[in-house]
Protein backbone atom coordinates (compact mmCIF):
# COMPACT_ATOMS: atom_id res chain seq x y z
CA MET A 1 20.04 67.89 109.35
CA ALA A 2 21.38 71.45 109.35
CA VAL A 3 25.05 71.99 110.03
CA PRO A 4 25.91 75.06 112.14
CA LEU A 5 27.51 77.90 110.19
CA ASN A 6 30.54 77.61 112.46
CA THR A 7 31.08 74.10 111.10
CA LEU A 8 31.00 75.42 107.56
CA ARG A 9 33.37 78.26 108.36
CA ASN A 10 35.73 75.78 109.90
CA LEU A 11 35.68 73.32 107.02
CA PHE A 12 39.45 73.21 107.23
CA VAL A 13 39.21 71.35 110.56
CA ILE A 14 37.29 68.54 108.91
CA LEU A 15 39.71 68.52 106.01
CA LEU A 16 42.73 68.34 108.26
CA ALA A 17 41.18 65.45 110.14
CA TYR A 18 40.71 63.68 106.81
CA TRP A 19 44.06 64.68 105.35
CA ASN A 20 46.46 64.57 108.31
CA HIS A 21 49.68 66.40 107.61
CA ASP A 22 50.85 67.03 111.18
CA ALA A 23 54.35 65.91 110.37
CA LEU A 24 54.65 68.57 107.70
CA ALA A 25 56.13 71.80 109.08
CA ILE A 26 55.56 75.20 107.49
CA GLU A 27 59.24 75.33 106.62
CA GLU A 28 58.83 72.14 104.60
CA LEU A 29 55.89 73.65 102.75
CA ARG A 30 57.97 76.67 101.80
CA HIS A 31 60.61 74.47 100.23
CA LEU A 32 58.40 72.24 98.12
CA ASP A 33 59.63 71.87 94.59
CA ALA A 34 57.39 73.41 91.95
CA ILE A 35 55.85 70.11 90.89
CA ASN A 36 54.79 69.08 94.39
CA ALA A 37 53.79 72.59 95.48
CA PHE A 38 51.15 72.82 92.77
CA LYS A 39 49.69 69.35 93.15
CA THR A 40 45.95 69.44 93.60
CA ILE A 41 44.41 67.85 96.65
CA VAL A 42 41.02 66.35 95.81
CA ILE A 43 38.59 65.36 98.55
CA GLU A 44 35.39 63.53 97.70
CA GLY A 45 32.18 64.95 99.15
CA SER A 46 31.36 61.53 100.54
CA ASP A 47 34.54 61.69 102.65
CA ILE A 48 33.38 64.78 104.57
CA PRO A 49 29.77 63.96 105.50
CA LYS A 50 29.47 66.74 108.09
CA VAL A 51 29.20 69.34 105.34
CA LEU A 52 27.01 67.44 102.88
CA ASN A 53 23.79 69.07 101.68
CA GLN A 54 25.04 72.58 102.47
CA PRO A 55 24.94 75.51 100.01
CA LEU A 56 28.29 76.03 98.29
CA GLU A 57 28.10 79.78 98.93
CA LYS A 58 28.62 79.14 102.65
CA PHE A 59 31.93 77.34 102.19
CA SER A 60 35.24 78.82 103.20
CA LEU A 61 38.64 77.17 103.48
CA ALA A 62 41.54 78.33 105.63
CA ALA A 63 45.01 77.24 106.66
CA VAL A 64 47.46 78.23 109.38
CA ILE A 65 49.95 80.54 107.69
CA ASP A 66 52.61 82.33 109.74
CA GLY A 67 50.74 81.33 112.89
CA GLU A 68 47.40 82.82 111.82
CA MET A 69 44.34 81.45 110.08
CA GLU A 70 44.22 82.74 106.51
CA PRO A 71 41.66 82.01 103.81
CA ILE A 72 43.00 79.95 100.92
CA PRO A 73 41.66 79.47 97.40
CA PHE A 74 39.62 76.37 96.64
CA GLN A 75 37.05 75.12 94.20
CA ILE A 76 34.20 72.67 94.30
CA ASP A 77 33.47 70.59 91.24
CA GLU A 78 29.96 69.27 90.72
CA TYR A 79 29.43 66.17 88.58
CA ASN A 80 26.75 64.90 86.24
CA ILE A 81 25.08 61.49 86.37
CA GLY A 82 27.58 60.23 83.78
CA GLY A 83 30.51 60.93 86.11
CA ALA A 84 31.87 63.95 84.21
CA LEU A 85 31.98 67.56 85.35
CA TYR A 86 28.54 69.12 85.33
CA PHE A 87 27.88 71.96 82.89
CA LYS A 88 24.52 73.69 82.86
CA ASP A 89 24.38 73.78 79.04
CA TRP A 90 25.02 70.07 78.57
CA ASP A 91 22.11 67.68 78.27
CA VAL A 92 23.38 65.47 81.09
CA PRO A 93 21.63 66.05 84.47
CA ILE A 94 23.60 66.87 87.58
CA SER A 95 24.23 64.12 90.12
CA GLY A 96 22.68 65.73 93.18
CA GLU A 97 21.59 69.36 93.43
CA ILE A 98 23.06 72.44 91.79
CA ASN A 99 25.07 74.59 94.23
CA ILE A 100 24.61 72.10 97.08
CA PHE A 101 27.56 70.04 98.36
CA ASP A 102 26.68 66.44 97.48
CA PRO A 103 28.53 63.13 98.01
CA ASN A 104 29.62 63.13 94.35
CA ASP A 105 31.06 66.66 94.47
CA LYS A 106 34.78 67.21 94.93
CA LEU A 107 36.64 69.83 96.94
CA LEU A 108 39.95 70.89 95.37
CA PHE A 109 42.81 73.02 96.63
CA ILE A 110 46.55 73.33 96.03
CA TYR A 111 49.10 71.68 98.30
CA LYS A 112 51.23 74.83 98.68
CA ASP A 113 48.25 76.69 100.18
CA THR A 114 47.98 74.33 103.15
CA GLY A 115 49.61 74.90 106.53
CA THR A 116 50.20 73.16 109.81
CA ARG A 117 47.42 71.77 111.98
CA ARG A 118 45.05 74.31 113.49
CA LYS A 119 45.44 74.87 117.23
CA PRO A 120 42.64 75.84 119.65
CA ASN A 121 43.88 79.45 119.79
CA HIS A 122 43.52 79.96 116.04
CA GLN A 123 40.43 81.99 115.19
CA TYR A 124 38.77 82.10 111.79
């Protein structure tokens, strides 16, 4: 089943539904200590089924920053059938498809890059 491009562009909506941080205000994010600010948030592909089987090149991640939607850095790790990170030059096959978001893939981003919950007026 194909997912509309709008769904992919708005991946952050799905992520925020999964990882609810409504209670966290922007001001609190600005004052995170260095250790917490750089913690990595890891979301399993299987936890966001609406974007499974989509090409990784279509993914974008955004957060509400200063009242506007802004793109934030992220990465997607693909895994091999042994459960380790997939590397093309290793002799261990990928679990799933190369460059396709699979249930075993992981989406990663840094806590300090997140913002408050997206409102209907926020465009991305």
